[in-house]
Protein backbone atom coordinates (compact mmCIF):
# COMPACT_ATOMS: atom_id res chain seq x y z
CA MET A 1 -0.02 -0.03 0.02
CA SER A 2 1.38 3.37 -0.89
CA GLU A 3 1.59 6.13 1.45
CA THR A 4 -0.88 8.33 -0.66
CA GLN A 5 -3.86 5.98 -0.46
CA LYS A 6 -6.45 6.54 2.28
CA PRO A 7 -7.09 3.68 4.59
CA VAL A 8 -10.23 1.55 3.88
CA THR A 9 -13.28 2.31 5.93
CA PRO A 10 -14.50 -0.54 7.89
CA VAL A 11 -17.26 -2.52 6.11
CA LYS A 12 -20.62 -3.58 7.82
CA PRO A 13 -21.90 -7.13 7.37
CA THR A 14 -24.38 -7.69 4.55
CA GLY A 15 -25.82 -10.91 5.88
CA LEU A 16 -25.74 -13.55 8.53
CA GLU A 17 -25.18 -17.21 8.43
CA LEU A 18 -25.49 -19.83 11.32
CA ILE A 19 -22.69 -22.35 11.68
CA TYR A 20 -23.35 -25.61 13.23
CA LEU A 21 -20.57 -27.87 14.63
CA TYR A 22 -20.91 -31.59 14.11
CA ALA A 23 -18.45 -34.05 15.96
CA CYS A 24 -16.76 -36.23 13.54
CA PRO A 25 -17.76 -39.87 14.64
CA PHE A 26 -14.24 -41.08 13.44
CA CYS A 27 -11.77 -38.56 14.89
CA GLY A 28 -13.84 -36.26 17.08
CA ARG A 29 -12.99 -33.13 15.36
CA GLU A 30 -15.72 -30.45 15.13
CA VAL A 31 -16.83 -29.93 11.58
CA PRO A 32 -18.46 -26.63 10.80
CA VAL A 33 -21.46 -26.71 8.51
CA ILE A 34 -23.54 -23.64 7.44
CA SER A 35 -27.22 -24.19 8.45
CA PRO A 36 -27.68 -27.61 7.00
CA THR A 37 -31.55 -27.70 6.47
CA SER A 38 -31.82 -30.96 4.72
CA PRO A 39 -30.16 -34.26 5.15
CA ALA A 40 -26.47 -34.32 3.91
CA VAL A 41 -23.16 -35.82 4.39
CA ALA A 42 -20.38 -33.64 6.04
CA LYS A 43 -16.77 -34.41 5.27
CA CYS A 44 -14.29 -34.07 8.02
CA ASP A 45 -11.28 -31.77 7.17
CA ALA A 46 -8.98 -33.77 9.45
CA CYS A 47 -9.51 -37.43 8.56
CA ARG A 48 -11.32 -36.84 5.21
CA LYS A 49 -14.16 -39.16 6.07
CA GLY A 50 -17.65 -38.40 5.36
CA PHE A 51 -20.48 -38.97 7.71
CA PRO A 52 -24.32 -38.21 7.65
CA ILE A 53 -25.59 -35.14 9.64
CA VAL A 54 -28.97 -34.44 11.14
CA PRO A 55 -30.42 -31.29 9.51
CA VAL A 56 -31.52 -28.29 11.53
CA ASP A 57 -34.89 -26.62 11.48
CA GLU A 58 -35.23 -24.19 8.69
CA ARG A 59 -37.98 -22.13 10.62
CA THR A 60 -35.57 -21.63 13.54
CA VAL A 61 -32.68 -20.49 11.34
CA ARG A 62 -34.97 -17.98 9.53
CA TYR A 63 -36.27 -16.74 12.94
CA ILE A 64 -32.72 -16.09 14.31
CA LYS A 65 -31.73 -14.21 11.03
CA LEU A 66 -34.82 -12.16 11.34
CA MET A 67 -34.36 -11.41 14.88
CA LEU A 68 -30.75 -10.24 14.21
CA HIS A 69 -31.94 -8.31 11.18
CA GLY A 70 -29.40 -10.17 8.93
CA GLY A 71 -26.52 -9.25 11.29
CA SER A 72 -27.36 -5.53 11.70
CA ALA A 73 -28.37 -6.19 15.50
CA GLY A 74 -25.02 -7.66 16.09
CA ILE A 75 -23.00 -4.59 15.35
CA ASP A 76 -25.46 -1.87 16.83
CA PRO A 77 -25.87 -1.95 20.41
CA ASP A 78 -29.04 0.44 20.00
CA PHE A 79 -30.77 -1.82 17.64
CA LEU A 80 -34.46 -2.03 18.21
């Protein structure tokens, strides 16, 4: 970065995702999965083995995203 460029202004979040952690049944490592709302197979990044995961309730995910206003409530302490 040259000395004549202005610093970049901090960027606010444009959305929100929920990450669920599933314990790998083979090695025990917690595998992060973004809101799996349908049955799927997760792949452990440590042992590289796949395993089926239980999906989460889509209505609950939508509710949490709605209550946090897509992430806005998480950065604004005066959000109502």
